[in-house]
Protein backbone atom coordinates (compact mmCIF):
# COMPACT_ATOMS: atom_id res chain seq x y z
CA UNK A 1 26.14 -3.25 -11.91
CA UNK A 2 29.62 -2.19 -10.80
CA UNK A 3 29.61 -0.91 -6.60
CA UNK A 4 29.42 3.06 -6.36
CA UNK A 5 26.66 2.98 -8.86
CA UNK A 6 24.96 -0.37 -7.62
CA UNK A 7 25.07 1.74 -3.98
CA UNK A 8 23.21 4.94 -5.60
CA UNK A 9 21.18 3.44 -7.41
CA UNK A 10 19.26 1.64 -4.76
CA UNK A 11 19.79 4.36 -2.26
CA UNK A 12 17.74 6.38 -4.36
CA UNK A 13 14.87 3.88 -5.29
CA UNK A 14 14.46 4.09 -1.23
CA UNK A 15 14.88 8.18 -1.15
CA UNK A 16 12.13 8.34 -3.54
CA UNK A 17 10.31 5.37 -2.44
CA UNK A 18 10.50 6.82 1.10
CA UNK A 19 8.69 10.49 -0.51
CA UNK A 20 6.60 9.18 -2.52
CA UNK A 21 5.20 10.46 -5.86
CA UNK A 22 4.96 14.36 -4.55
CA UNK A 23 7.32 15.48 -2.90
CA UNK A 24 9.44 17.97 -3.93
CA UNK A 25 13.01 17.76 -5.38
CA UNK A 26 15.97 19.55 -6.71
CA UNK A 27 15.30 19.86 -10.06
CA UNK A 28 12.76 22.40 -11.07
CA UNK A 29 9.65 21.74 -11.87
CA UNK A 30 10.11 18.32 -10.99
CA UNK A 31 8.05 16.26 -7.88
CA UNK A 32 9.82 12.91 -7.60
CA UNK A 33 7.03 10.85 -9.59
CA UNK A 34 9.39 12.81 -12.90
CA UNK A 35 12.60 12.57 -11.35
CA UNK A 36 11.69 8.41 -10.80
CA UNK A 37 9.96 8.08 -14.45
CA UNK A 38 13.10 10.80 -16.00
CA UNK A 39 15.68 7.67 -14.69
CA UNK A 40 12.83 4.72 -16.02
CA UNK A 41 13.46 6.02 -19.56
CA UNK A 42 16.92 7.15 -19.21
CA UNK A 43 17.75 3.79 -18.72
CA UNK A 44 14.57 1.87 -21.12
CA UNK A 45 13.84 3.50 -23.80
CA UNK A 46 17.93 5.26 -25.97
CA UNK A 47 15.47 5.91 -28.63
CA UNK A 48 13.95 9.03 -26.57
CA UNK A 49 16.89 9.66 -23.83
CA UNK A 50 18.62 11.44 -26.75
CA UNK A 51 16.23 14.18 -26.21
CA UNK A 52 17.95 15.12 -23.55
CA UNK A 53 20.71 16.40 -25.66
CA UNK A 54 19.88 16.95 -28.81
CA UNK A 55 16.62 19.23 -29.88
CA UNK A 56 15.71 16.66 -32.90
CA UNK A 57 14.65 14.11 -30.11
CA UNK A 58 12.76 16.61 -27.58
CA UNK A 59 9.39 15.85 -28.33
CA UNK A 60 10.26 11.86 -28.11
CA UNK A 61 11.66 12.75 -24.89
CA UNK A 62 8.71 14.44 -23.59
CA UNK A 63 5.89 11.47 -25.05
CA UNK A 64 8.03 8.67 -23.40
CA UNK A 65 8.57 10.65 -20.11
CA UNK A 66 4.53 11.17 -20.32
CA UNK A 67 4.01 7.74 -20.47
CA UNK A 68 5.60 6.12 -17.32
CA UNK A 69 5.23 9.03 -15.62
CA UNK A 70 1.21 7.35 -15.59
CA UNK A 71 3.32 4.34 -14.95
CA UNK A 72 2.18 2.90 -10.84
CA UNK A 73 4.75 5.10 -9.01
CA UNK A 74 5.71 1.58 -7.29
CA UNK A 75 6.58 0.38 -10.71
CA UNK A 76 8.83 3.05 -11.44
CA UNK A 77 10.89 2.51 -8.02
CA UNK A 78 10.90 -0.91 -8.59
CA UNK A 79 12.10 -0.71 -12.42
CA UNK A 80 14.82 1.78 -10.65
CA UNK A 81 15.96 -1.18 -7.99
CA UNK A 82 16.20 -3.98 -10.89
CA UNK A 83 17.98 -2.17 -12.68
CA UNK A 84 18.85 -1.55 -17.46
CA UNK A 85 17.35 -4.06 -19.26
CA UNK A 86 19.66 -7.51 -19.92
CA UNK A 87 19.85 -5.25 -24.20
CA UNK A 88 21.01 -2.42 -22.24
CA UNK A 89 24.31 -0.29 -22.71
CA UNK A 90 23.87 0.97 -19.20
CA UNK A 91 23.59 -3.52 -18.17
CA UNK A 92 27.57 -3.44 -18.18
CA UNK A 93 29.54 -2.72 -15.71
CA UNK A 94 32.06 -0.80 -16.98
CA UNK A 95 28.89 1.27 -18.65
CA UNK A 96 26.96 1.58 -15.46
CA UNK A 97 29.61 2.56 -13.69
CA UNK A 98 30.97 5.50 -15.73
CA UNK A 99 27.26 6.61 -16.33
CA UNK A 100 25.49 5.89 -13.03
CA UNK A 101 27.64 6.83 -10.04
CA UNK A 102 27.36 10.39 -10.80
CA UNK A 103 24.27 10.26 -12.33
CA UNK A 104 22.22 8.11 -9.25
CA UNK A 105 25.00 10.30 -6.16
CA UNK A 106 23.10 13.41 -7.85
CA UNK A 107 19.33 13.03 -8.37
CA UNK A 108 19.86 10.94 -4.34
CA UNK A 109 21.13 14.62 -3.42
CA UNK A 110 17.78 16.25 -5.15
CA UNK A 111 15.49 13.59 -2.93
CA UNK A 112 17.14 14.42 0.18
CA UNK A 113 18.03 18.17 -0.16
CA UNK A 114 14.41 18.99 -1.39
CA UNK A 115 12.67 17.40 1.68
CA UNK A 116 13.66 20.31 5.53
CA UNK A 117 15.03 18.50 7.70
CA UNK A 118 17.84 17.00 5.96
CA UNK A 119 21.07 16.89 6.70
CA UNK A 120 24.31 16.30 5.46
CA UNK A 121 25.78 12.70 4.00
CA UNK A 122 29.22 11.72 4.73
CA UNK A 123 30.86 9.93 2.25
CA UNK A 124 33.09 6.97 2.13
CA UNK A 125 36.64 8.26 1.64
CA UNK A 126 36.26 5.80 -1.55
CA UNK A 127 33.91 7.15 -3.45
CA UNK A 128 34.83 11.40 -2.74
CA UNK A 129 37.44 10.08 -4.60
CA UNK A 130 35.82 8.26 -7.42
CA UNK A 131 33.48 11.66 -7.93
CA UNK A 132 36.66 14.22 -8.29
CA UNK A 133 38.49 11.97 -10.81
CA UNK A 134 34.49 12.06 -12.53
CA UNK A 135 34.70 15.67 -12.22
CA UNK A 136 37.87 16.01 -13.05
CA UNK A 137 37.54 14.72 -16.73
CA UNK A 138 33.96 16.62 -16.51
CA UNK A 139 34.99 19.99 -15.22
CA UNK A 140 35.54 21.58 -18.25
CA UNK A 141 31.91 20.12 -19.37
CA UNK A 142 29.79 21.07 -16.69
CA UNK A 143 31.66 24.69 -16.48
CA UNK A 144 31.83 25.82 -20.09
CA UNK A 145 28.56 28.32 -19.34
CA UNK A 146 30.18 29.37 -16.22
CA UNK A 147 30.22 33.56 -16.53
CA UNK A 148 33.63 33.64 -15.01
CA UNK A 149 36.45 32.03 -14.31
CA UNK A 150 35.62 29.14 -12.12
CA UNK A 151 38.27 26.93 -10.12
CA UNK A 152 37.34 23.85 -8.02
CA UNK A 153 39.44 23.05 -4.49
CA UNK A 154 38.88 19.71 -2.73
CA UNK A 155 40.03 20.43 1.08
CA UNK A 156 43.09 18.27 0.37
CA UNK A 157 44.53 21.31 -2.48
CA UNK A 158 44.10 19.76 -5.67
CA UNK A 159 42.08 21.59 -8.22
CA UNK A 160 40.93 21.21 -11.71
CA UNK A 161 40.04 24.64 -13.49
CA UNK A 162 36.51 24.06 -14.77
CA UNK A 163 35.94 27.23 -16.63
CA UNK A 164 39.36 29.86 -17.55
CA UNK A 165 38.78 33.37 -17.71
CA UNK A 166 38.38 36.39 -15.92
CA UNK A 167 37.60 37.26 -13.19
CA UNK A 168 37.75 34.54 -11.47
CA UNK A 169 35.89 31.96 -8.63
CA UNK A 170 38.42 30.15 -6.92
CA UNK A 171 35.19 27.19 -5.20
CA UNK A 172 35.86 25.21 -2.34
CA UNK A 173 34.49 21.93 -1.00
CA UNK A 174 34.39 18.16 -0.66
CA UNK A 175 34.03 16.09 -4.02
CA UNK A 176 30.66 15.48 -3.25
CA UNK A 177 28.85 19.27 -2.53
CA UNK A 178 31.43 19.89 -6.05
CA UNK A 179 29.82 17.36 -7.91
CA UNK A 180 26.29 18.76 -6.78
CA UNK A 181 27.63 22.18 -7.70
CA UNK A 182 28.87 21.97 -11.38
CA UNK A 183 25.94 20.24 -12.01
CA UNK A 184 23.64 23.00 -11.24
CA UNK A 185 23.18 22.88 -7.50
CA UNK A 186 25.30 25.67 -6.43
CA UNK A 187 22.61 26.77 -3.53
CA UNK A 188 22.20 23.26 -2.27
CA UNK A 189 26.13 22.39 -2.73
CA UNK A 190 27.92 22.84 1.29
CA UNK A 191 31.08 24.90 -0.52
CA UNK A 192 32.43 28.26 0.37
CA UNK A 193 33.29 30.26 -2.80
CA UNK A 194 36.35 32.96 -2.71
CA UNK A 195 36.17 35.44 -5.90
CA UNK A 196 34.86 38.99 -6.32
CA UNK A 197 31.22 39.19 -4.86
CA UNK A 198 29.52 40.58 -8.10
CA UNK A 199 31.43 37.53 -9.93
CA UNK A 200 30.39 34.98 -6.83
CA UNK A 201 26.41 36.08 -7.66
CA UNK A 202 26.79 35.77 -10.89
CA UNK A 203 28.46 31.89 -10.73
CA UNK A 204 25.97 30.86 -8.42
CA UNK A 205 22.93 31.87 -10.07
CA UNK A 206 24.76 30.31 -13.55
CA UNK A 207 22.59 27.29 -15.57
CA UNK A 208 26.19 24.77 -14.78
CA UNK A 209 25.69 21.17 -15.87
CA UNK A 210 25.62 19.33 -18.93
């Protein structure tokens, strides 16, 4: 496993373990047990994980989620820590980094920021740049359902157009915060929004993300 994905994987496992199986998360309707089951199913049940994107597989995904959520919580945490099986595509370093660095970062914050005593996490500049690079490539996809024009801006002035349209809302923040915003965690992201009041309100409640 490559550097960013491996670190975020282990952090996510630690956070899930510390929170216990019944803690809230930012994923609506999911407790920590459900989130842990999701991570394991995604890596170990590709036949069911397709239900994340394809309606025809949603029932299979639901069954797999139920099956894994019923396992001992400690077993789920260990499966996350040890990573995918050798024959999984995620076992390849390049795929692991491309697919999991952002995934695990977002889910780690799903656990952290659902707790009442959470505090901002300072990301190292290399990881921040990596998140920005991925967000630039994914911004049109994560912002496709935005009801208004959406521009993302880093404090250093770098920008990405996530959705064309008017009126325009510019969201400014560090790459990690912009990532959370674009993956549907708008209320938990530490960002500044500049635009018409009504447009900002529509954006903050929109269903962004993959």
